[in-house]
Amino acid sequence: MEEVTLRRIAALLGYDPPEETLLEFLLAGAIDPNPHRASLIEDVQNCVFVHELA
C-alpha cells in the first residue's frame, strides 16, 4: 500500500523513479532535517561513540 502511495506522489511531482528502488530514490532526494548533526555512523567511525552508554 505504501509503495503505491509513494509512486503516485512521485508521479504527481514529475518523477519517474526506477521500479525496484523507489524508496531509496525518494530518500536520496529528501532534505536532511538535521544537516549539522553528526550521524551515529560518523560517531562510531570516529570513535566518539561510547559503547557503555548503548
C-alpha atoms as a PDB file:
ATOM      1  CA  MET A   1       0.000   0.000   0.000  1.00  0.00           C
ATOM      2  CA  GLU A   2       2.749   2.485   0.942  1.00  0.00           C
ATOM      3  CA  GLU A   3       4.616   1.673  -2.275  1.00  0.00           C
ATOM      4  CA  VAL A   4       1.556   2.576  -4.355  1.00  0.00           C
ATOM      5  CA  THR A   5       1.095   5.839  -2.460  1.00  0.00           C
ATOM      6  CA  LEU A   6       4.760   6.790  -2.886  1.00  0.00           C
ATOM      7  CA  ARG A   7       4.589   6.023  -6.615  1.00  0.00           C
ATOM      8  CA  ARG A   8       1.508   8.224  -7.031  1.00  0.00           C
ATOM      9  CA  ILE A   9       3.142  11.115  -5.175  1.00  0.00           C
ATOM     10  CA  ALA A  10       6.338  10.738  -7.215  1.00  0.00           C
ATOM     11  CA  ALA A  11       4.317  10.730 -10.452  1.00  0.00           C
ATOM     12  CA  LEU A  12       2.399  13.865  -9.407  1.00  0.00           C
ATOM     13  CA  LEU A  13       5.715  15.625  -8.732  1.00  0.00           C
ATOM     14  CA  GLY A  14       7.028  14.635 -12.144  1.00  0.00           C
ATOM     15  CA  TYR A  15       9.469  11.935 -11.050  1.00  0.00           C
ATOM     16  CA  ASP A  16       9.910   8.678 -12.916  1.00  0.00           C
ATOM     17  CA  PRO A  17      11.913   6.598 -10.424  1.00  0.00           C
ATOM     18  CA  PRO A  18      13.249   3.131 -11.200  1.00  0.00           C
ATOM     19  CA  GLU A  19      10.787   0.367 -10.317  1.00  0.00           C
ATOM     20  CA  GLU A  20      12.990  -1.561  -7.900  1.00  0.00           C
ATOM     21  CA  THR A  21      14.394   1.298  -5.804  1.00  0.00           C
ATOM     22  CA  LEU A  22      11.600   3.813  -5.260  1.00  0.00           C
ATOM     23  CA  LEU A  23      12.153   4.276  -1.526  1.00  0.00           C
ATOM     24  CA  GLU A  24      15.924   4.692  -1.910  1.00  0.00           C
ATOM     25  CA  PHE A  25      15.334   7.138  -4.784  1.00  0.00           C
ATOM     26  CA  LEU A  26      12.984   9.292  -2.700  1.00  0.00           C
ATOM     27  CA  LEU A  27      15.179   9.186   0.417  1.00  0.00           C
ATOM     28  CA  ALA A  28      18.245  10.240  -1.576  1.00  0.00           C
ATOM     29  CA  GLY A  29      16.394  13.347  -2.723  1.00  0.00           C
ATOM     30  CA  ALA A  30      14.959  14.225   0.675  1.00  0.00           C
ATOM     31  CA  ILE A  31      16.092  17.254   2.642  1.00  0.00           C
ATOM     32  CA  ASP A  32      18.009  16.412   5.815  1.00  0.00           C
ATOM     33  CA  PRO A  33      16.096  17.949   8.759  1.00  0.00           C
ATOM     34  CA  ASN A  34      19.293  17.990  10.862  1.00  0.00           C
ATOM     35  CA  PRO A  35      22.124  18.888   8.479  1.00  0.00           C
ATOM     36  CA  HIS A  36      24.511  19.965  11.251  1.00  0.00           C
ATOM     37  CA  ARG A  37      24.005  16.935  13.495  1.00  0.00           C
ATOM     38  CA  ALA A  38      26.621  14.178  13.259  1.00  0.00           C
ATOM     39  CA  SER A  39      25.233  10.781  12.448  1.00  0.00           C
ATOM     40  CA  LEU A  40      25.677   7.717  14.621  1.00  0.00           C
ATOM     41  CA  ILE A  41      27.669   6.056  11.840  1.00  0.00           C
ATOM     42  CA  GLU A  42      30.092   9.012  11.745  1.00  0.00           C
ATOM     43  CA  ASP A  43      30.442   8.929  15.539  1.00  0.00           C
ATOM     44  CA  VAL A  44      31.247   5.217  15.513  1.00  0.00           C
ATOM     45  CA  GLN A  45      33.719   5.627  12.645  1.00  0.00           C
ATOM     46  CA  ASN A  46      35.456   8.462  14.523  1.00  0.00           C
ATOM     47  CA  CYS A  47      35.464   6.599  17.877  1.00  0.00           C
ATOM     48  CA  VAL A  48      33.183   9.164  19.537  1.00  0.00           C
ATOM     49  CA  PHE A  49      30.581   6.527  20.349  1.00  0.00           C
ATOM     50  CA  VAL A  50      30.641   5.300  23.981  1.00  0.00           C
ATOM     51  CA  HIS A  51      29.712   1.622  23.911  1.00  0.00           C
ATOM     52  CA  GLU A  52      28.826   1.515  27.619  1.00  0.00           C
ATOM     53  CA  LEU A  53      26.050   4.041  27.094  1.00  0.00           C
ATOM     54  CA  ALA A  54      24.352   1.985  24.365  1.00  0.00           C
END
